[in-house]
C-alpha atoms as a PDB file:
ATOM      1  CA  MET A   1     -18.328  53.059  21.913  1.00  0.00           C
ATOM      2  CA  ALA A   2     -15.972  55.038  24.163  1.00  0.00           C
ATOM      3  CA  TYR A   3     -12.928  53.410  25.691  1.00  0.00           C
ATOM      4  CA  VAL A   4     -11.383  54.557  28.946  1.00  0.00           C
ATOM      5  CA  PRO A   5      -7.721  53.714  29.606  1.00  0.00           C
ATOM      6  CA  VAL A   6      -7.215  51.935  32.930  1.00  0.00           C
ATOM      7  CA  PRO A   7      -3.815  52.470  34.573  1.00  0.00           C
ATOM      8  CA  LYS A   8      -1.873  49.317  35.392  1.00  0.00           C
ATOM      9  CA  ASP A   9      -0.458  50.726  38.627  1.00  0.00           C
ATOM     10  CA  LEU A  10      -3.480  51.584  40.767  1.00  0.00           C
ATOM     11  CA  THR A  11      -1.378  53.019  43.611  1.00  0.00           C
ATOM     12  CA  LYS A  12      -1.130  56.327  41.729  1.00  0.00           C
ATOM     13  CA  VAL A  13      -4.915  56.682  41.447  1.00  0.00           C
ATOM     14  CA  LYS A  14      -6.104  59.280  43.951  1.00  0.00           C
ATOM     15  CA  THR A  15      -9.365  58.925  45.836  1.00  0.00           C
ATOM     16  CA  LYS A  16     -11.650  61.919  45.425  1.00  0.00           C
ATOM     17  CA  VAL A  17     -13.456  62.890  48.620  1.00  0.00           C
ATOM     18  CA  MET A  18     -15.773  65.792  47.807  1.00  0.00           C
ATOM     19  CA  PHE A  19     -16.248  68.203  44.873  1.00  0.00           C
ATOM     20  CA  ASN A  20     -13.872  65.954  42.868  1.00  0.00           C
ATOM     21  CA  LEU A  21     -10.964  67.006  45.139  1.00  0.00           C
ATOM     22  CA  THR A  22      -8.561  64.856  47.132  1.00  0.00           C
ATOM     23  CA  LYS A  23      -8.379  65.072  50.920  1.00  0.00           C
ATOM     24  CA  ARG A  24      -5.139  67.080  50.792  1.00  0.00           C
ATOM     25  CA  GLN A  25      -6.656  69.564  48.338  1.00  0.00           C
ATOM     26  CA  LEU A  26      -9.740  70.010  50.503  1.00  0.00           C
ATOM     27  CA  ILE A  27      -7.634  70.622  53.616  1.00  0.00           C
ATOM     28  CA  CYS A  28      -5.355  73.124  51.865  1.00  0.00           C
ATOM     29  CA  PHE A  29      -8.173  75.042  50.153  1.00  0.00           C
ATOM     30  CA  THR A  30     -10.162  75.194  53.393  1.00  0.00           C
ATOM     31  CA  GLY A  31      -7.123  76.420  55.316  1.00  0.00           C
ATOM     32  CA  GLY A  32      -6.443  79.087  52.716  1.00  0.00           C
ATOM     33  CA  ALA A  33     -10.057  80.239  52.771  1.00  0.00           C
ATOM     34  CA  LEU A  34     -10.169  80.309  56.577  1.00  0.00           C
ATOM     35  CA  ILE A  35      -7.137  82.592  56.649  1.00  0.00           C
ATOM     36  CA  GLY A  36      -7.559  84.604  53.439  1.00  0.00           C
ATOM     37  CA  VAL A  37     -11.226  85.638  53.568  1.00  0.00           C
ATOM     38  CA  PRO A  38     -11.155  87.131  57.108  1.00  0.00           C
ATOM     39  CA  LEU A  39      -7.882  88.859  56.191  1.00  0.00           C
ATOM     40  CA  PHE A  40      -9.631  90.493  53.233  1.00  0.00           C
ATOM     41  CA  PHE A  41     -12.413  91.835  55.429  1.00  0.00           C
ATOM     42  CA  LEU A  42      -9.919  93.100  58.017  1.00  0.00           C
ATOM     43  CA  PHE A  43      -7.846  94.961  55.414  1.00  0.00           C
ATOM     44  CA  ARG A  44     -10.716  96.190  53.234  1.00  0.00           C
ATOM     45  CA  LYS A  45     -11.673  99.333  55.156  1.00  0.00           C
ATOM     46  CA  PRO A  46      -8.196 100.636  56.071  1.00  0.00           C
ATOM     47  CA  THR A  47      -6.492  99.879  52.728  1.00  0.00           C
ATOM     48  CA  GLY A  48      -9.249  99.579  50.103  1.00  0.00           C
ATOM     49  CA  ASN A  49     -10.547  96.659  48.070  1.00  0.00           C
ATOM     50  CA  SER A  50      -7.592  96.329  45.672  1.00  0.00           C
ATOM     51  CA  VAL A  51      -4.889  96.140  48.343  1.00  0.00           C
ATOM     52  CA  ALA A  52      -7.001  93.835  50.501  1.00  0.00           C
ATOM     53  CA  ALA A  53      -7.612  91.496  47.555  1.00  0.00           C
ATOM     54  CA  MET A  54      -3.885  91.399  46.719  1.00  0.00           C
ATOM     55  CA  CYS A  55      -3.002  90.625  50.349  1.00  0.00           C
ATOM     56  CA  MET A  56      -5.616  87.864  50.401  1.00  0.00           C
ATOM     57  CA  MET A  57      -4.220  86.327  47.200  1.00  0.00           C
ATOM     58  CA  LEU A  58      -0.641  86.458  48.479  1.00  0.00           C
ATOM     59  CA  VAL A  59      -1.637  84.748  51.725  1.00  0.00           C
ATOM     60  CA  MET A  60      -3.745  82.093  49.973  1.00  0.00           C
ATOM     61  CA  LEU A  61      -1.188  81.299  47.240  1.00  0.00           C
ATOM     62  CA  PRO A  62       1.015  78.962  49.362  1.00  0.00           C
ATOM     63  CA  PHE A  63      -2.058  76.929  50.331  1.00  0.00           C
ATOM     64  CA  PHE A  64      -3.030  76.612  46.670  1.00  0.00           C
ATOM     65  CA  MET A  65       0.497  75.567  45.693  1.00  0.00           C
ATOM     66  CA  LEU A  66       0.599  72.931  48.447  1.00  0.00           C
ATOM     67  CA  ALA A  67      -2.747  71.560  47.290  1.00  0.00           C
ATOM     68  CA  MET A  68      -1.735  71.292  43.635  1.00  0.00           C
ATOM     69  CA  TYR A  69       1.862  70.075  44.064  1.00  0.00           C
ATOM     70  CA  GLU A  70       2.602  66.486  43.041  1.00  0.00           C
ATOM     71  CA  LYS A  71       6.016  65.007  43.690  1.00  0.00           C
ATOM     72  CA  HIS A  72       6.211  62.763  40.637  1.00  0.00           C
ATOM     73  CA  SER A  73       3.632  64.210  38.310  1.00  0.00           C
ATOM     74  CA  PHE A  74       3.025  63.326  34.688  1.00  0.00           C
ATOM     75  CA  HIS A  75       4.202  66.749  33.518  1.00  0.00           C
ATOM     76  CA  ARG A  76       7.517  66.399  35.309  1.00  0.00           C
ATOM     77  CA  ARG A  77       8.163  63.037  33.613  1.00  0.00           C
ATOM     78  CA  GLN A  78       7.320  64.531  30.212  1.00  0.00           C
ATOM     79  CA  GLU A  79       9.635  67.452  30.931  1.00  0.00           C
ATOM     80  CA  ARG A  80      12.510  65.075  31.742  1.00  0.00           C
ATOM     81  CA  LYS A  81      11.934  63.135  28.512  1.00  0.00           C
ATOM     82  CA  PHE A  82      11.939  66.370  26.535  1.00  0.00           C
ATOM     83  CA  THR A  83      15.205  67.572  28.104  1.00  0.00           C
ATOM     84  CA  ARG A  84      16.870  64.200  27.436  1.00  0.00           C
ATOM     85  CA  LEU A  85      15.790  64.332  23.808  1.00  0.00           C
ATOM     86  CA  ARG A  86      17.003  67.900  23.496  1.00  0.00           C
ATOM     87  CA  GLN A  87      20.384  66.993  25.003  1.00  0.00           C
ATOM     88  CA  GLN A  88      20.780  64.032  22.665  1.00  0.00           C
ATOM     89  CA  ASN A  89      20.100  66.185  19.607  1.00  0.00           C
ATOM     90  CA  HIS A  90      22.683  68.835  20.535  1.00  0.00           C
END
């Protein structure tokens, strides 16, 4: 039988809206797509596919970073623990 750990603090559980994404992620990804895809088609003929794709990625990257950023994420806590352990050993 499989066991699923249930967090004690349910305030950190995020509600998934659609496609297993949170509301903030959906808004950021949609905004990036609404700006990046038309930009690709505008730049494709004058500059070529490679340059247009790079411009699209550069424009969409901030939206992706905003969607994925978490202020107090699990990885950040683990990183702090690791640096404390490393400082104690040296």
